[in-house]
Amino acid sequence: MAADLKRFGDSRTGATALDADDDVLLAHALIQGRPEAPLAAWRRFYPLVASTLRRMLGPGGDLQDLAQDVFLRFFTKVNGLRNVESLRPFLMGIAIRRAQEEIRQRRVRRWFGPVLDDSVMPPTTTEMEPENRQAVLHFYRVIDRLSVSDRSIYVLRYLEGLEHAQISTTLGISISTLRRRLVRLSKRVHRLMSADPVLAEFVAGEHPPKGTASRPERRRR
């Protein structure tokens, strides 16, 4: 897949000019097909895409391949971007949809894996302390009980720390609908975590297990 990515242009010529944090300039460059634009977009947005995928999916899977798939779709569709100021939400929307597909695929593999002699993706949390590793795995078992749509909302709000307007743009739902769903969703997740003996202590602190929570400065109400 890395080879496929290079076909969109891997030239470093002129890439430095697009490295400044100007999404509008980069959007114009991508739409115009400038050869240095894809590399500049990868450098700028890869951490955002990787973080979104990791928080959506939790342990397991090859995030590098998934991130490359997101960017391949992004480069293919960016010509259709109508509002150049929405480049970042446009890319995040693609990442969310790719993560939603992966969630559905993982569920199918869990349901039919024993029949197909297929194995579930192994956890990739071995670098964590045992207590935190167990808590993260339990946390993702909880949010795996949510619908794909609810999971996307929960991750963007409470793990990524996005504001309502940003989530509304990314997922294409109204802010009023989003707020109603967040009220219902936060209560459900709180109830599920409270019922889990491993997660109950985290509920008291009102934050997900270490390794999943967003940076404190981004968790504004």
Protein backbone atom coordinates (compact mmCIF):
# COMPACT_ATOMS: atom_id res chain seq x y z
CA MET A 1 0.00 0.00 0.00
CA ALA A 2 2.94 2.33 0.60
CA ALA A 3 3.83 1.93 -3.07
CA ASP A 4 0.30 2.96 -4.01
CA LEU A 5 0.62 6.05 -1.84
CA LYS A 6 3.75 7.16 -3.68
CA ARG A 7 1.92 7.35 -6.97
CA PHE A 8 0.21 10.50 -5.69
CA GLY A 9 3.59 12.23 -5.62
CA ASP A 10 6.51 11.82 -3.26
CA SER A 11 8.57 14.72 -4.50
CA ARG A 12 10.06 16.92 -1.79
CA THR A 13 10.36 19.78 -4.26
CA GLY A 14 8.34 22.68 -2.94
CA ALA A 15 7.00 20.68 0.01
CA THR A 16 8.65 23.03 2.49
CA ALA A 17 6.49 25.88 1.23
CA LEU A 18 3.39 23.94 2.27
CA ASP A 19 4.69 22.86 5.66
CA ALA A 20 3.35 26.02 7.32
CA ASP A 21 0.13 25.46 9.25
CA ASP A 22 -2.16 26.84 6.53
CA ASP A 23 -4.87 24.34 5.66
CA VAL A 24 -6.43 26.60 3.03
CA LEU A 25 -3.15 26.91 1.13
CA LEU A 26 -2.67 23.17 1.32
CA ALA A 27 -6.23 22.51 0.17
CA HIS A 28 -5.70 24.65 -2.92
CA ALA A 29 -2.43 22.86 -3.66
CA LEU A 30 -4.09 19.44 -3.40
CA ILE A 31 -7.01 20.45 -5.62
CA GLN A 32 -4.60 21.91 -8.18
CA GLY A 33 -2.65 18.65 -8.21
CA ARG A 34 0.67 20.15 -7.17
CA PRO A 35 3.13 17.22 -6.81
CA GLU A 36 4.46 18.31 -3.43
CA ALA A 37 1.00 18.63 -1.84
CA PRO A 38 0.35 14.94 -0.92
CA LEU A 39 3.62 14.66 1.00
CA ALA A 40 2.92 17.92 2.83
CA ALA A 41 -0.58 16.65 3.72
CA TRP A 42 0.83 13.36 4.99
CA ARG A 43 3.35 15.13 7.20
CA ARG A 44 0.80 17.53 8.62
CA PHE A 45 -2.16 15.24 9.13
CA TYR A 46 -0.73 11.77 9.79
CA PRO A 47 -0.63 12.27 13.61
CA LEU A 48 -4.28 13.39 13.53
CA VAL A 49 -5.37 10.41 11.42
CA ALA A 50 -3.36 7.90 13.45
CA SER A 51 -4.73 9.27 16.72
CA THR A 52 -8.31 9.17 15.45
CA LEU A 53 -7.95 5.57 14.24
CA ARG A 54 -6.26 4.46 17.45
CA ARG A 55 -8.92 5.99 19.68
CA MET A 56 -11.74 4.68 17.51
CA LEU A 57 -10.39 1.13 17.26
CA GLY A 58 -8.41 0.55 20.42
CA PRO A 59 -5.85 -2.26 20.61
CA GLY A 60 -5.24 -4.49 17.62
CA GLY A 61 -4.76 -4.17 13.91
CA ASP A 62 -2.25 -2.41 11.72
CA LEU A 63 -2.91 1.31 12.08
CA GLN A 64 -0.18 2.12 9.57
CA ASP A 65 -2.03 0.29 6.80
CA LEU A 66 -5.34 1.82 7.83
CA ALA A 67 -3.84 5.32 7.87
CA GLN A 68 -2.42 4.81 4.39
CA ASP A 69 -5.83 3.66 3.22
CA VAL A 70 -7.37 6.82 4.68
CA PHE A 71 -4.90 9.02 2.81
CA LEU A 72 -5.39 7.14 -0.45
CA ARG A 73 -9.13 7.84 -0.20
CA PHE A 74 -8.43 11.43 0.82
CA PHE A 75 -6.17 12.12 -2.16
CA THR A 76 -8.70 10.54 -4.49
CA LYS A 77 -11.65 12.58 -3.16
CA VAL A 78 -10.08 15.92 -2.28
CA ASN A 79 -10.85 17.35 -5.73
CA GLY A 80 -14.49 17.31 -4.69
CA LEU A 81 -13.87 19.49 -1.62
CA ARG A 82 -16.21 22.48 -1.90
CA ASN A 83 -15.07 24.45 1.13
CA VAL A 84 -11.27 24.72 1.28
CA GLU A 85 -11.53 25.81 4.92
CA SER A 86 -12.94 22.37 5.81
CA LEU A 87 -9.90 20.33 4.75
CA ARG A 88 -9.24 18.97 8.24
CA PRO A 89 -12.86 17.92 9.01
CA PHE A 90 -13.03 16.46 5.49
CA LEU A 91 -10.04 14.22 6.20
CA MET A 92 -11.27 13.33 9.69
CA GLY A 93 -14.60 12.29 8.20
CA ILE A 94 -12.79 9.87 5.91
CA ALA A 95 -10.78 8.50 8.85
CA ILE A 96 -13.95 8.02 10.91
CA ARG A 97 -15.71 6.19 8.08
CA ARG A 98 -12.67 3.94 7.56
CA ALA A 99 -12.60 3.18 11.28
CA GLN A 100 -16.33 2.41 11.19
CA GLU A 101 -15.72 -0.07 8.38
CA GLU A 102 -12.95 -1.70 10.39
CA ILE A 103 -15.18 -1.97 13.46
CA ARG A 104 -17.84 -3.74 11.41
CA GLN A 105 -15.23 -6.06 9.89
CA ARG A 106 -13.81 -6.91 13.31
CA ARG A 107 -17.26 -7.75 14.61
CA VAL A 108 -17.88 -10.06 11.67
CA ARG A 109 -14.53 -11.75 12.29
CA ARG A 110 -15.42 -12.27 15.95
CA TRP A 111 -18.81 -13.72 15.06
CA PHE A 112 -17.61 -16.03 12.30
CA GLY A 113 -13.96 -16.48 13.22
CA PRO A 114 -14.44 -19.90 14.87
CA VAL A 115 -16.29 -21.14 11.80
CA LEU A 116 -13.74 -19.73 9.36
CA ASP A 117 -10.76 -20.69 11.54
CA ASP A 118 -9.78 -17.03 11.59
CA SER A 119 -8.27 -15.30 14.62
CA VAL A 120 -9.13 -11.96 16.14
CA MET A 121 -6.43 -9.31 15.83
CA PRO A 122 -4.06 -9.57 18.82
CA PRO A 123 -3.80 -6.68 21.27
CA THR A 124 -1.00 -4.17 20.78
CA THR A 125 -0.86 -2.81 24.32
CA THR A 126 2.16 -4.77 25.58
CA GLU A 127 4.09 -1.54 26.16
CA MET A 128 1.63 -0.53 28.92
CA GLU A 129 1.75 -1.49 32.56
CA PRO A 130 -0.39 -4.60 33.23
CA GLU A 131 -3.03 -2.64 35.18
CA ASN A 132 -3.46 -0.02 32.49
CA ARG A 133 -3.41 -2.65 29.75
CA GLN A 134 -6.26 -4.55 31.39
CA ALA A 135 -8.25 -1.35 31.91
CA VAL A 136 -7.83 -0.26 28.27
CA LEU A 137 -8.97 -3.65 27.01
CA HIS A 138 -12.04 -3.54 29.27
CA PHE A 139 -12.77 0.04 28.19
CA TYR A 140 -12.81 -0.91 24.52
CA ARG A 141 -15.03 -3.89 25.31
CA VAL A 142 -17.47 -1.37 26.74
CA ILE A 143 -17.49 1.00 23.79
CA ASP A 144 -17.57 -1.97 21.42
CA ARG A 145 -21.13 -2.46 22.68
CA LEU A 146 -22.09 0.89 21.15
CA SER A 147 -23.35 1.26 17.62
CA VAL A 148 -20.73 2.38 15.12
CA SER A 149 -22.33 5.82 14.95
CA ASP A 150 -22.48 6.25 18.75
CA ARG A 151 -18.91 5.04 19.09
CA SER A 152 -17.76 7.68 16.60
CA ILE A 153 -19.50 10.43 18.55
CA TYR A 154 -18.12 9.22 21.88
CA VAL A 155 -14.55 8.98 20.62
CA LEU A 156 -14.56 12.38 18.94
CA ARG A 157 -16.06 14.13 21.97
CA TYR A 158 -14.57 12.41 25.00
CA LEU A 159 -11.31 10.96 23.66
CA GLU A 160 -10.34 13.36 20.89
CA GLY A 161 -11.83 16.31 22.79
CA LEU A 162 -13.46 17.94 19.76
CA GLU A 163 -16.04 20.68 20.18
CA HIS A 164 -19.67 20.15 19.17
CA ALA A 165 -19.30 22.21 15.97
CA GLN A 166 -16.27 20.18 14.87
CA ILE A 167 -18.05 16.87 15.45
CA SER A 168 -21.14 18.16 13.66
CA THR A 169 -19.05 19.05 10.60
CA THR A 170 -17.06 15.83 10.66
CA LEU A 171 -20.03 13.47 11.02
CA GLY A 172 -22.63 15.52 9.18
CA ILE A 173 -25.19 15.74 11.98
CA SER A 174 -26.83 18.81 13.49
CA ILE A 175 -25.51 20.22 16.75
CA SER A 176 -28.91 19.86 18.43
CA THR A 177 -29.06 16.16 17.50
CA LEU A 178 -25.47 15.72 18.61
CA ARG A 179 -26.16 17.20 22.03
CA ARG A 180 -29.17 14.96 22.61
CA ARG A 181 -27.19 11.89 21.64
CA LEU A 182 -24.25 12.87 23.83
CA VAL A 183 -26.48 13.12 26.89
CA ARG A 184 -27.89 9.66 26.27
CA LEU A 185 -24.53 8.22 25.26
CA SER A 186 -22.55 9.54 28.21
CA LYS A 187 -25.10 8.08 30.62
CA ARG A 188 -24.97 4.68 28.94
CA VAL A 189 -21.17 4.49 28.89
CA HIS A 190 -21.03 5.64 32.52
CA ARG A 191 -23.48 2.89 33.47
CA LEU A 192 -21.55 0.20 31.57
CA MET A 193 -18.23 1.27 33.05
CA SER A 194 -19.69 1.38 36.56
CA ALA A 195 -20.83 -2.24 36.15
CA ASP A 196 -17.32 -3.37 35.18
CA PRO A 197 -15.18 -4.18 38.23
CA VAL A 198 -11.99 -3.21 36.42
CA LEU A 199 -13.34 0.16 35.25
CA ALA A 200 -15.35 1.15 38.31
CA GLU A 201 -12.40 3.01 39.85
CA PHE A 202 -11.99 5.09 36.70
CA VAL A 203 -15.65 6.08 36.77
CA ALA A 204 -15.08 7.76 40.12
CA GLY A 205 -12.41 9.90 38.47
CA GLU A 206 -14.68 10.57 35.48
CA HIS A 207 -12.09 9.73 32.88
CA PRO A 208 -11.28 6.72 30.65
CA PRO A 209 -8.31 4.48 31.46
CA LYS A 210 -4.82 5.86 30.93
CA GLY A 211 -3.83 5.34 27.33
CA THR A 212 -7.22 6.35 25.90
CA ALA A 213 -8.00 9.80 27.34
CA SER A 214 -7.51 12.98 25.39
CA ARG A 215 -5.08 15.65 26.52
CA PRO A 216 -6.57 17.60 29.46
CA GLU A 217 -6.41 20.95 27.69
CA ARG A 218 -8.65 19.60 24.90
CA ARG A 219 -11.37 18.21 27.12
CA ARG A 220 -13.53 21.30 27.34
CA ARG A 221 -17.19 21.00 28.14
